[in-house]
Protein backbone atom coordinates (compact mmCIF):
# COMPACT_ATOMS: atom_id res chain seq x y z
CA MET A 1 -91.06 -23.07 -128.59
CA PRO A 2 -93.39 -20.70 -126.72
CA ILE A 3 -93.09 -17.07 -127.66
CA LEU A 4 -92.27 -16.12 -124.05
CA ASN A 5 -89.00 -18.07 -124.26
CA LEU A 6 -87.69 -15.89 -127.08
CA TYR A 7 -86.55 -13.12 -124.73
CA ASN A 8 -85.08 -12.86 -121.27
CA VAL A 9 -87.18 -11.14 -118.64
CA GLU A 10 -84.11 -9.71 -116.91
CA GLU A 11 -82.88 -8.17 -120.14
CA PHE A 12 -86.31 -6.68 -120.76
CA LYS A 13 -86.15 -4.94 -117.37
CA VAL A 14 -82.84 -3.33 -118.31
CA PHE A 15 -84.26 -2.33 -121.70
CA LEU A 16 -87.25 -0.69 -120.03
CA LEU A 17 -85.02 1.45 -117.78
CA VAL A 18 -82.81 2.50 -120.71
CA LEU A 19 -85.88 3.34 -122.77
CA ALA A 20 -87.37 5.52 -120.01
CA ARG A 21 -84.17 7.56 -119.67
CA PHE A 22 -83.13 7.82 -123.30
CA SER A 23 -86.56 8.49 -124.82
CA VAL A 24 -86.95 11.73 -122.85
CA VAL A 25 -83.56 12.98 -124.11
CA LEU A 26 -84.47 12.01 -127.66
CA PHE A 27 -87.86 13.75 -127.57
CA MET A 28 -86.31 16.96 -126.25
CA LEU A 29 -83.86 17.23 -129.13
CA PRO A 30 -84.89 19.86 -131.71
CA ILE A 31 -85.52 17.66 -134.75
CA PHE A 32 -86.79 14.49 -133.08
CA GLY A 33 -89.09 16.43 -130.77
CA ALA A 34 -90.84 18.23 -133.62
CA ARG A 35 -94.59 17.99 -133.97
CA THR A 36 -94.21 17.19 -137.66
CA LEU A 37 -92.53 13.89 -136.83
CA PRO A 38 -95.24 11.26 -136.22
CA ASN A 39 -95.44 9.86 -132.70
CA MET A 40 -95.15 6.31 -134.00
CA VAL A 41 -91.85 7.20 -135.67
CA LYS A 42 -90.57 8.80 -132.46
CA ALA A 43 -91.54 5.74 -130.42
CA ALA A 44 -89.98 3.34 -132.93
CA LEU A 45 -86.74 5.36 -133.06
CA ALA A 46 -86.53 5.51 -129.26
CA MET A 47 -87.06 1.76 -128.98
CA VAL A 48 -84.49 0.91 -131.66
CA LEU A 49 -81.80 3.17 -130.17
CA SER A 50 -82.56 1.93 -126.65
CA LEU A 51 -82.25 -1.62 -127.96
CA LEU A 52 -78.74 -0.77 -129.17
CA LEU A 53 -77.77 0.88 -125.90
CA TYR A 54 -79.14 -1.48 -123.28
CA SER A 55 -76.49 -4.12 -123.98
CA VAL A 56 -73.61 -1.74 -123.18
CA VAL A 57 -74.91 0.02 -120.07
CA PRO A 58 -73.99 -1.33 -116.62
CA VAL A 59 -77.44 -1.95 -115.11
CA GLU A 60 -78.25 -4.71 -112.67
CA PRO A 61 -81.68 -6.25 -113.33
CA SER A 62 -81.98 -7.13 -109.65
CA ILE A 63 -82.68 -3.48 -108.75
CA PHE A 64 -85.98 -3.64 -110.63
CA PRO A 65 -88.72 -3.65 -107.95
CA ASP A 66 -91.58 -6.10 -107.73
CA THR A 67 -94.45 -3.74 -106.93
CA VAL A 68 -96.22 -1.39 -109.31
CA ILE A 69 -95.72 1.71 -107.13
CA GLU A 70 -91.98 1.17 -106.74
CA THR A 71 -91.67 0.51 -110.47
CA GLY A 72 -93.48 3.77 -111.23
CA ILE A 73 -91.15 5.69 -108.91
CA LEU A 74 -88.09 4.09 -110.50
CA ILE A 75 -89.25 4.99 -114.03
CA PHE A 76 -90.08 8.51 -112.83
CA PHE A 77 -86.47 8.93 -111.64
CA GLU A 78 -85.23 7.76 -115.03
CA ILE A 79 -87.46 10.30 -116.75
CA MET A 80 -86.12 13.07 -114.49
CA ILE A 81 -82.53 12.21 -115.44
CA GLY A 82 -83.36 12.33 -119.15
CA LEU A 83 -85.25 15.58 -118.66
CA MET A 84 -82.23 17.10 -116.89
CA LEU A 85 -79.87 16.21 -119.75
CA GLY A 86 -82.22 17.37 -122.49
CA THR A 87 -82.96 20.67 -120.75
CA CYS A 88 -79.35 21.83 -121.10
CA ILE A 89 -79.56 21.61 -124.90
CA ARG A 90 -82.96 23.27 -125.06
CA LEU A 91 -81.84 26.20 -122.90
CA PHE A 92 -78.88 26.94 -125.15
CA LEU A 93 -81.01 26.85 -128.29
CA ALA A 94 -83.54 29.09 -126.55
CA ALA A 95 -80.79 31.68 -125.98
CA VAL A 96 -79.96 31.74 -129.70
CA GLN A 97 -83.66 32.02 -130.57
CA LEU A 98 -84.05 34.89 -128.11
CA SER A 99 -81.25 36.85 -129.79
CA GLY A 100 -82.82 36.33 -133.22
CA GLN A 101 -86.22 37.39 -131.94
CA VAL A 102 -84.88 40.62 -130.43
CA ILE A 103 -82.93 41.40 -133.61
CA GLY A 104 -86.01 40.80 -135.75
CA PHE A 105 -88.05 43.12 -133.52
CA GLN A 106 -85.46 45.88 -133.83
CA MET A 107 -85.45 45.49 -137.62
CA GLY A 108 -89.22 45.83 -137.81
CA PHE A 109 -89.89 42.16 -138.54
CA SER A 110 -92.15 41.67 -135.53
CA MET A 111 -95.21 41.53 -137.79
CA ILE A 112 -93.54 39.29 -140.38
CA ASN A 113 -93.62 35.86 -138.78
CA VAL A 114 -93.53 32.37 -140.18
CA VAL A 115 -95.04 29.16 -138.83
CA ASP A 116 -92.46 26.94 -137.17
CA PRO A 117 -93.22 23.39 -138.37
CA GLN A 118 -91.60 21.91 -135.27
CA SER A 119 -93.73 23.69 -132.68
CA GLY A 120 -96.62 25.03 -134.76
CA ALA A 121 -96.14 28.55 -133.35
CA ASN A 122 -95.50 31.82 -135.16
CA VAL A 123 -91.83 32.78 -134.90
CA SER A 124 -89.63 35.51 -136.30
CA ILE A 125 -87.69 34.92 -139.50
CA MET A 126 -84.43 35.99 -137.88
CA GLU A 127 -85.12 33.67 -134.97
CA GLN A 128 -85.50 30.73 -137.34
CA ILE A 129 -82.30 31.56 -139.22
CA ALA A 130 -80.29 31.84 -136.01
CA TYR A 131 -81.84 28.63 -134.68
CA TRP A 132 -81.01 26.52 -137.74
CA VAL A 133 -77.48 27.91 -138.03
CA CYS A 134 -76.87 27.06 -134.37
CA LEU A 135 -78.34 23.59 -134.87
CA LEU A 136 -76.16 22.90 -137.91
CA VAL A 137 -73.03 23.98 -136.01
CA PHE A 138 -74.13 21.80 -133.07
CA LEU A 139 -74.32 18.77 -135.36
CA LEU A 140 -71.13 19.72 -137.20
CA PHE A 141 -69.08 19.69 -133.98
CA ASN A 142 -70.63 16.36 -132.89
CA GLY A 143 -72.71 17.76 -130.08
CA HIS A 144 -75.21 14.90 -130.53
CA TYR A 145 -72.43 12.36 -129.98
CA ILE A 146 -71.46 14.06 -126.73
CA LEU A 147 -75.06 13.90 -125.57
CA LEU A 148 -75.33 10.22 -126.53
CA ILE A 149 -72.11 9.33 -124.71
CA SER A 150 -73.29 11.26 -121.66
CA VAL A 151 -76.51 9.23 -121.59
CA ILE A 152 -74.47 6.00 -121.63
CA GLU A 153 -72.13 7.24 -118.89
CA SER A 154 -75.09 8.42 -116.84
CA PHE A 155 -75.89 4.80 -115.94
CA GLU A 156 -72.50 4.61 -114.18
CA LEU A 157 -72.72 7.98 -112.44
CA VAL A 158 -76.42 7.75 -111.62
CA PRO A 159 -77.50 4.10 -111.40
CA PRO A 160 -81.26 3.53 -111.71
CA GLY A 161 -83.07 4.34 -108.50
CA THR A 162 -80.33 6.58 -107.05
CA PHE A 163 -81.41 9.97 -108.41
CA MET A 164 -81.06 12.74 -105.79
CA LEU A 165 -82.31 16.31 -106.21
CA GLN A 166 -79.57 18.22 -104.40
CA ARG A 167 -79.00 21.95 -103.96
CA PRO A 168 -75.89 22.11 -106.24
CA LEU A 169 -77.88 20.39 -108.98
CA LEU A 170 -80.69 22.94 -108.72
CA ASP A 171 -78.19 25.81 -108.63
CA THR A 172 -76.53 24.56 -111.82
CA LEU A 173 -79.85 24.24 -113.64
CA LEU A 174 -80.98 27.69 -112.46
CA ASN A 175 -77.67 29.14 -113.60
CA GLN A 176 -78.19 27.60 -117.04
CA GLY A 177 -81.64 29.15 -117.16
CA SER A 178 -80.30 32.58 -116.29
CA GLN A 179 -77.69 32.26 -119.03
CA VAL A 180 -80.49 32.18 -121.62
CA PHE A 181 -81.03 35.94 -121.34
CA ILE A 182 -77.34 36.79 -120.86
CA LEU A 183 -76.18 34.71 -123.82
CA GLY A 184 -79.03 35.94 -126.00
CA ILE A 185 -78.11 39.56 -125.37
CA LYS A 186 -74.41 38.85 -125.93
CA ILE A 187 -75.10 37.35 -129.35
CA GLY A 188 -77.38 40.15 -130.49
CA ALA A 189 -75.76 43.08 -128.65
CA PRO A 190 -73.76 44.50 -131.61
CA ILE A 191 -76.76 44.35 -133.93
CA ILE A 192 -79.17 45.69 -131.33
CA ALA A 193 -76.86 48.61 -130.54
CA SER A 194 -76.30 49.39 -134.23
CA LEU A 195 -80.02 49.39 -134.97
CA PHE A 196 -80.63 51.57 -131.94
CA PHE A 197 -78.12 54.16 -133.12
CA THR A 198 -79.64 53.94 -136.61
CA SER A 199 -83.04 54.82 -135.15
CA VAL A 200 -81.51 57.65 -133.15
CA SER A 201 -79.78 59.06 -136.23
CA PHE A 202 -83.01 59.04 -138.22
CA GLY A 203 -84.76 60.69 -135.29
CA LEU A 204 -82.21 63.51 -135.36
CA ILE A 205 -82.57 63.81 -139.14
CA GLY A 206 -86.32 64.05 -138.76
CA LYS A 207 -85.87 66.79 -136.16
CA PHE A 208 -83.56 68.93 -138.30
CA ALA A 209 -85.20 68.15 -141.66
CA PRO A 210 -88.97 67.84 -141.05
CA GLN A 211 -89.74 67.94 -144.76
CA MET A 212 -87.98 64.58 -145.23
CA ASN A 213 -90.20 61.48 -145.06
CA ILE A 214 -88.27 59.51 -142.47
CA MET A 215 -90.55 56.47 -142.47
CA ILE A 216 -89.94 55.69 -146.14
CA VAL A 217 -86.16 55.93 -145.76
CA ALA A 218 -85.68 54.53 -142.25
CA PHE A 219 -87.54 51.26 -142.64
CA PRO A 220 -85.53 49.81 -145.58
CA MET A 221 -82.31 51.23 -144.11
CA LYS A 222 -82.87 49.40 -140.81
CA ILE A 223 -83.55 46.20 -142.71
CA PHE A 224 -80.35 46.63 -144.74
CA VAL A 225 -78.24 47.37 -141.66
CA GLY A 226 -79.83 44.52 -139.71
CA LEU A 227 -79.34 41.93 -142.44
CA LEU A 228 -75.76 43.04 -143.06
CA LEU A 229 -74.79 42.85 -139.39
CA PHE A 230 -76.77 39.68 -138.83
CA GLY A 231 -74.80 38.01 -141.60
CA LEU A 232 -71.61 38.99 -139.81
CA ALA A 233 -73.06 37.81 -136.48
CA LEU A 234 -73.49 34.27 -137.81
CA GLU A 235 -69.77 33.84 -137.19
CA THR A 236 -70.41 34.82 -133.57
CA ILE A 237 -73.13 32.18 -133.30
CA LYS A 238 -70.69 29.60 -134.64
CA ILE A 239 -68.00 30.55 -132.11
CA ILE A 240 -70.39 30.59 -129.15
CA THR A 241 -71.92 27.26 -130.17
CA ARG A 242 -68.48 25.71 -130.55
CA GLU A 243 -67.41 26.94 -127.11
CA TYR A 244 -70.63 25.61 -125.62
CA ILE A 245 -70.05 22.17 -127.17
CA TYR A 246 -66.48 22.08 -125.82
CA GLY A 247 -67.83 22.58 -122.31
CA LEU A 248 -70.97 20.48 -122.75
CA LYS A 249 -69.37 17.23 -121.59
CA SER A 250 -68.13 18.72 -118.33
CA LEU A 251 -71.49 20.39 -117.74
CA LEU A 252 -73.44 17.16 -118.19
CA LEU A 253 -70.99 15.19 -116.07
CA SER A 254 -71.24 17.72 -113.25
CA LEU A 255 -75.04 17.48 -113.34
CA LEU A 256 -74.86 13.70 -113.27
CA PHE A 257 -72.32 13.81 -110.43
CA TRP A 258 -74.67 15.78 -108.20
CA ALA A 259 -77.70 13.78 -109.34
CA GLY A 260 -75.95 10.62 -108.26
CA GLY A 261 -75.40 11.90 -104.74
CA GLY A 262 -72.13 13.78 -105.18
């Protein structure tokens, strides 16, 4: 039997569309998008998971165009849909990282950075702790399952070739981007305020008692206060992550609703 008869061309077209949409979502996830994970492993994982999904998604092979240009446009639309879904997760994790970075700066850890193995950049220690706690809570409350189910349902709400960039879709994405700074400040506000008042109190002490070496006392005290409050703030990160996961399904479905034409 010729090797070309071992697979169906129509099924391969459906697999290609599923792979284009799902691979972008997979590569934008924190762990699978890391630079430490070899590209061959990423590609193999995307192909295996797409192979499991393509048999359950409602895609008509007849929509696959015959020309190269139309095929490129169709795959580009699939990549945009995957990019839209993955961006929501990345923005939320960025908000948690922002809060940890600001807290670390207030504690005096701005010069004590570590190399993030996922991105290869220098990041704050507090940022990394907040990031991994948020990621563990995200996995604990099955946030990855919600994302996977949303990708499967996206083929019903946004069939291949029907992606539309509408104003409500852009407004929702911009609103999610603005929430990065708001949510980051909300998470770190108690610690930031406490460290600020700690600095003010040591400034007053230094004014009324000049003979006291404030730098020797203030630096370890700010670290102690910051670590103590940051440990208590981990519960806040858990609550905010849980609330975000509860509303993640509705957020993704609303994005897919507008992307499919409303």
